Amino acid sequence: MLRYTTVLTLASALLQPPGLLLVLAAIGWLAEILGWRYFGRVLILLTLGTLYFFSTAVGARLLLLPLEDRYPPLVQPVGSSETPGAIVVLGGGEVMQSPESTQETANARTLVRLIAAAQLAKQTGLPIIPSGGAPRLGAPPEAVTMEHILRQDLGVQSTIWPETQSYNTAANAADSAALLAGHHIHQVYLVTSALHMPRAVVWFRHAGLNVISVPTDYRLDRVSGLRLDSWLPRAIYLEISSEASHEYLGLFWLWIQEQGIGGGH
C-alpha cells in the first residue's frame, strides 16, 4: 500500500504544475539538442508562458472557480426528513508544532475544516467523524489529532468517531461509510475545502452515502475581483493552480475508473 501511494504521489507531481511544465521544458531542451530546434524552442516558450499564466491570479481563478463554485455554501442546516445523521470532516494535512518537536498538529487547511465542522455540530448536536490516517509511518492518525482539536480547542461536546485508516479521498469515503454503516447512518454532512468538494462528493456517493456538502476554505478573494496586479506572478497563485490541477486529475482518474478502464475504485 505504501508503494502504491508513493507511485500515485510521484505521478501526480509530474502531471500538474510545476512538475508537468518542468518535464515539458526538459523535452523542449532535449529536442533542441537533437536538432529539432524550432519545435524545442516553441515548446519551451509555451511552457514558460503557461508557467507565468498559472502563477497569476487570473490563471489561478480560471482553474479554481469552476471547482469552488460547484457546490454553494451551506447557509443553515437542513431539516425534516433530509436531516443527516452525522458530520464527516476530511483531514487536509498536518504540520510540526515546532522545529524541536516531533508532535504534529493540523495545518491551516485542516483547521478551517474543523472550525466549520465544530460550528455545524454545535448547531445540530450530530456526531462528528474526523477522517484521516497516519501521515507517515509511526505517526498518530490525523483523525486523532483532529479529535483532540475538536474537543480541546473548539469545545465540541458531540460524539466523535475517528476514522483512522484512510490515506486518500477514496479511502476517506469507503472507510467512513463502513464506520457509519455500523450506526445505520446513510446520509451525512460532508465538510472539506471547496476546491476538494467535487471529487469528495463523487467518492462518498460511490461509497453509498447521501451527501449534503459543506464547502469551506475558499482560496481566493471574491470581493475585490481582478486588478492590474492580478497579472503579477506570485508563488501562492502557482500553488493554487497546482492544487486545482490535482483535483482535475483526480476527477479524470475517477472518470476513467467509472468507464471500467482503471479496474474499479
Protein backbone atom coordinates (compact mmCIF):
# COMPACT_ATOMS: atom_id res chain seq x y z
CA MET A 1 0.00 0.00 0.00
CA LEU A 2 2.87 2.37 0.83
CA ARG A 3 4.49 1.70 -2.56
CA TYR A 4 1.16 2.27 -4.36
CA THR A 5 0.68 5.58 -2.55
CA THR A 6 4.24 6.65 -3.40
CA VAL A 7 3.71 5.91 -7.10
CA LEU A 8 0.45 7.89 -7.11
CA THR A 9 2.16 10.83 -5.38
CA LEU A 10 5.01 10.82 -7.90
CA ALA A 11 2.65 10.57 -10.86
CA SER A 12 0.52 13.40 -9.52
CA ALA A 13 3.57 15.63 -9.02
CA LEU A 14 4.68 15.10 -12.62
CA LEU A 15 1.21 15.65 -14.11
CA GLN A 16 0.41 19.01 -12.55
CA PRO A 17 2.18 22.39 -12.38
CA PRO A 18 5.03 22.99 -11.87
CA GLY A 19 6.18 19.38 -12.36
CA LEU A 20 4.45 18.91 -15.70
CA LEU A 21 5.81 22.21 -17.01
CA LEU A 22 9.35 21.31 -15.97
CA VAL A 23 9.03 17.98 -17.78
CA LEU A 24 7.80 19.74 -20.94
CA ALA A 25 10.64 22.27 -20.72
CA ALA A 26 13.12 19.40 -20.41
CA ILE A 27 11.59 17.77 -23.50
CA GLY A 28 11.95 21.06 -25.37
CA TRP A 29 15.59 21.36 -24.31
CA LEU A 30 16.24 17.76 -25.40
CA ALA A 31 14.54 18.45 -28.75
CA GLU A 32 16.94 21.35 -29.36
CA ILE A 33 19.94 19.14 -28.61
CA LEU A 34 18.64 16.53 -31.07
CA GLY A 35 18.29 19.12 -33.80
CA TRP A 36 14.56 19.88 -33.65
CA ARG A 37 15.27 23.48 -32.74
CA TYR A 38 12.01 25.08 -33.84
CA PHE A 39 9.89 22.50 -32.01
CA GLY A 40 12.10 22.67 -28.93
CA ARG A 41 12.07 26.46 -28.70
CA VAL A 42 8.32 26.69 -29.26
CA LEU A 43 7.73 24.08 -26.54
CA ILE A 44 9.98 25.92 -24.08
CA LEU A 45 8.27 29.27 -24.81
CA LEU A 46 4.81 27.71 -24.40
CA THR A 47 5.93 26.13 -21.14
CA LEU A 48 7.26 29.42 -19.78
CA GLY A 49 4.08 31.24 -20.86
CA THR A 50 1.90 28.63 -19.16
CA LEU A 51 4.03 28.76 -16.01
CA TYR A 52 3.65 32.55 -15.94
CA PHE A 53 -0.13 32.44 -16.55
CA PHE A 54 -0.83 29.88 -13.83
CA SER A 55 1.35 31.93 -11.45
CA THR A 56 -1.07 34.87 -11.71
CA ALA A 57 -4.40 35.47 -10.02
CA VAL A 58 -6.05 35.41 -13.45
CA GLY A 59 -4.77 31.92 -14.26
CA ALA A 60 -5.45 30.59 -10.77
CA ARG A 61 -9.06 31.83 -10.88
CA LEU A 62 -9.58 30.21 -14.27
CA LEU A 63 -8.72 26.82 -12.80
CA LEU A 64 -10.11 27.30 -9.31
CA LEU A 65 -13.57 28.84 -9.63
CA PRO A 66 -15.28 26.02 -11.57
CA LEU A 67 -14.32 23.69 -8.71
CA GLU A 68 -15.14 26.01 -5.80
CA ASP A 69 -18.45 27.13 -7.30
CA ARG A 70 -19.75 23.60 -7.95
CA TYR A 71 -21.43 23.42 -4.52
CA PRO A 72 -22.78 26.52 -2.75
CA PRO A 73 -22.02 27.27 0.91
CA LEU A 74 -24.39 25.75 3.47
CA VAL A 75 -26.47 28.65 4.79
CA GLN A 76 -28.21 26.68 7.53
CA PRO A 77 -28.61 23.01 8.50
CA VAL A 78 -31.30 21.12 6.61
CA GLY A 79 -34.44 19.98 8.36
CA SER A 80 -37.30 17.48 8.04
CA SER A 81 -36.70 14.01 6.59
CA GLU A 82 -33.48 15.12 4.88
CA THR A 83 -31.61 15.60 8.14
CA PRO A 84 -28.20 13.80 8.02
CA GLY A 85 -27.14 11.51 10.82
CA ALA A 86 -23.53 12.67 11.16
CA ILE A 87 -20.86 15.15 10.08
CA VAL A 88 -17.81 13.86 8.21
CA VAL A 89 -14.82 16.20 8.10
CA LEU A 90 -11.82 15.29 5.96
CA GLY A 91 -8.24 15.88 7.03
CA GLY A 92 -6.17 18.21 4.89
CA GLY A 93 -2.69 17.65 6.28
CA GLU A 94 -0.55 18.32 9.33
CA VAL A 95 2.48 20.39 10.32
CA MET A 96 5.07 20.12 13.09
CA GLN A 97 4.22 22.08 16.21
CA SER A 98 7.77 23.48 16.39
CA PRO A 99 11.22 22.82 14.87
CA GLU A 100 12.30 20.97 18.03
CA SER A 101 9.11 18.93 18.39
CA THR A 102 8.13 15.60 16.89
CA GLN A 103 4.48 16.35 17.65
CA GLU A 104 2.22 17.22 14.74
CA THR A 105 -0.87 19.39 14.62
CA ALA A 106 -3.44 20.32 12.00
CA ASN A 107 -2.33 22.61 9.21
CA ALA A 108 -4.33 25.71 8.31
CA ARG A 109 -6.49 23.87 5.79
CA THR A 110 -7.50 21.15 8.23
CA LEU A 111 -8.13 23.72 10.96
CA VAL A 112 -10.56 25.69 8.78
CA ARG A 113 -12.43 22.47 8.03
CA LEU A 114 -12.54 21.58 11.72
CA ILE A 115 -13.94 25.02 12.62
CA ALA A 116 -16.75 24.55 10.09
CA ALA A 117 -17.49 21.05 11.41
CA ALA A 118 -17.48 22.26 15.01
CA GLN A 119 -19.91 25.08 14.25
CA LEU A 120 -22.24 22.66 12.49
CA ALA A 121 -22.01 20.16 15.36
CA LYS A 122 -22.95 22.86 17.86
CA GLN A 123 -25.96 23.78 15.73
CA THR A 124 -27.16 20.22 15.18
CA GLY A 125 -25.76 18.09 18.01
CA LEU A 126 -24.73 15.47 15.46
CA PRO A 127 -21.71 13.17 15.90
CA ILE A 128 -18.53 14.06 14.01
CA ILE A 129 -16.35 11.66 12.03
CA PRO A 130 -12.87 13.18 11.53
CA SER A 131 -11.35 11.14 8.70
CA GLY A 132 -7.63 10.68 8.10
CA GLY A 133 -4.97 8.04 8.66
CA ALA A 134 -1.35 8.35 9.74
CA PRO A 135 0.56 10.93 7.64
CA ARG A 136 3.74 8.84 7.92
CA LEU A 137 4.90 5.54 9.37
CA GLY A 138 4.86 5.60 13.17
CA ALA A 139 2.89 8.87 13.43
CA PRO A 140 -0.56 9.00 15.07
CA PRO A 141 -3.52 9.11 12.68
CA GLU A 142 -4.58 12.54 11.52
CA ALA A 143 -8.10 11.82 12.78
CA VAL A 144 -6.77 11.52 16.35
CA THR A 145 -5.16 14.97 16.09
CA MET A 146 -8.40 16.33 14.66
CA GLU A 147 -10.42 14.80 17.51
CA HIS A 148 -8.12 16.46 20.07
CA ILE A 149 -8.55 19.88 18.43
CA LEU A 150 -12.32 19.45 18.23
CA ARG A 151 -12.50 18.63 21.94
CA GLN A 152 -9.80 20.78 23.50
CA ASP A 153 -9.66 23.83 21.26
CA LEU A 154 -13.10 24.06 19.66
CA GLY A 155 -15.19 22.86 22.59
CA VAL A 156 -17.20 20.22 20.74
CA GLN A 157 -19.42 18.19 23.06
CA SER A 158 -20.92 15.92 20.41
CA THR A 159 -19.91 12.30 19.99
CA ILE A 160 -16.74 11.85 17.91
CA TRP A 161 -15.97 8.69 15.96
CA PRO A 162 -12.45 9.00 14.47
CA GLU A 163 -11.83 7.21 11.18
CA THR A 164 -8.11 6.49 11.36
CA GLN A 165 -7.21 4.26 8.41
CA SER A 166 -7.73 6.27 5.20
CA TYR A 167 -4.84 7.60 3.11
CA ASN A 168 -6.70 9.39 0.28
CA THR A 169 -10.16 10.66 -0.65
CA ALA A 170 -11.40 7.32 -1.96
CA ALA A 171 -10.37 5.65 1.30
CA ASN A 172 -11.90 8.53 3.32
CA ALA A 173 -15.21 7.70 1.68
CA ALA A 174 -15.03 3.90 1.89
CA ASP A 175 -13.77 3.78 5.48
CA SER A 176 -16.20 6.45 6.69
CA ALA A 177 -19.09 4.61 5.03
CA ALA A 178 -18.07 1.37 6.76
CA LEU A 179 -17.91 3.13 10.13
CA LEU A 180 -21.28 4.82 9.60
CA ALA A 181 -22.93 1.61 8.46
CA GLY A 182 -22.40 0.26 11.97
CA HIS A 183 -24.54 3.13 13.24
CA HIS A 184 -27.14 2.75 10.45
CA ILE A 185 -26.32 6.19 9.06
CA HIS A 186 -26.50 6.70 5.30
CA GLN A 187 -26.77 10.48 4.96
CA VAL A 188 -24.10 12.91 6.15
CA TYR A 189 -22.87 16.45 6.06
CA LEU A 190 -19.51 16.41 4.29
CA VAL A 191 -17.02 19.12 5.31
CA THR A 192 -13.95 19.77 3.19
CA SER A 193 -12.30 22.54 1.18
CA ALA A 194 -14.50 23.97 -1.59
CA LEU A 195 -11.71 23.14 -4.05
CA HIS A 196 -11.80 19.48 -2.98
CA MET A 197 -15.58 19.12 -2.65
CA PRO A 198 -16.47 17.98 -6.22
CA ARG A 199 -14.13 14.98 -6.06
CA ALA A 200 -15.01 14.18 -2.45
CA VAL A 201 -18.76 14.18 -3.16
CA VAL A 202 -18.35 11.70 -6.02
CA TRP A 203 -16.29 9.30 -3.93
CA PHE A 204 -18.71 9.45 -0.99
CA ARG A 205 -21.66 8.78 -3.26
CA HIS A 206 -19.80 5.83 -4.75
CA ALA A 207 -19.39 4.56 -1.18
CA GLY A 208 -23.18 4.56 -0.80
CA LEU A 209 -23.63 7.73 1.26
CA ASN A 210 -26.05 10.56 0.56
CA VAL A 211 -24.10 13.79 0.94
CA ILE A 212 -25.00 17.34 1.87
CA SER A 213 -21.92 19.37 1.05
CA VAL A 214 -20.43 21.92 3.45
CA PRO A 215 -17.64 23.59 1.46
CA THR A 216 -15.16 25.78 3.29
CA ASP A 217 -11.54 27.00 2.99
CA TYR A 218 -12.07 29.17 -0.11
CA ARG A 219 -8.71 30.06 -1.63
CA LEU A 220 -9.19 33.41 -3.39
CA ASP A 221 -10.76 36.75 -2.51
CA ARG A 222 -14.09 37.03 -4.36
CA VAL A 223 -14.91 40.59 -3.25
CA SER A 224 -12.19 42.72 -4.81
CA GLY A 225 -12.09 40.86 -8.14
CA LEU A 226 -9.33 41.24 -10.70
CA ARG A 227 -6.98 44.25 -10.72
CA LEU A 228 -3.88 45.26 -12.62
CA ASP A 229 -1.67 43.46 -10.14
CA SER A 230 -3.66 40.27 -10.78
CA TRP A 231 -1.29 39.76 -13.71
CA LEU A 232 1.79 39.73 -11.47
CA PRO A 233 3.22 36.22 -10.90
CA ARG A 234 3.27 35.01 -7.30
CA ALA A 235 4.12 31.68 -5.72
CA ILE A 236 0.74 31.46 -3.94
CA TYR A 237 -1.12 31.53 -7.25
CA LEU A 238 1.06 28.78 -8.69
CA GLU A 239 0.30 26.73 -5.58
CA ILE A 240 -3.45 27.26 -6.09
CA SER A 241 -3.17 26.35 -9.77
CA SER A 242 -1.27 23.20 -8.82
CA GLU A 243 -3.92 22.21 -6.27
CA ALA A 244 -6.71 22.81 -8.77
CA SER A 245 -4.86 20.76 -11.39
CA HIS A 246 -4.55 17.96 -8.84
CA GLU A 247 -8.33 17.97 -8.41
CA TYR A 248 -8.95 17.89 -12.16
CA LEU A 249 -6.53 14.97 -12.46
CA GLY A 250 -8.37 13.21 -9.64
CA LEU A 251 -11.73 13.75 -11.33
CA PHE A 252 -10.31 12.50 -14.62
CA TRP A 253 -8.90 9.38 -12.94
CA LEU A 254 -12.26 8.80 -11.29
CA TRP A 255 -13.97 9.08 -14.67
CA ILE A 256 -11.57 6.51 -16.15
CA GLN A 257 -12.40 4.11 -13.33
CA GLU A 258 -16.10 4.64 -13.84
CA GLN A 259 -15.66 3.65 -17.50
CA GLY A 260 -14.09 0.40 -16.33
CA ILE A 261 -10.67 1.30 -17.70
CA GLY A 262 -8.90 1.64 -14.38
CA GLY A 263 -10.02 -1.61 -12.80
CA GLY A 264 -12.65 -0.31 -10.37
CA HIS A 265 -12.42 2.09 -7.45
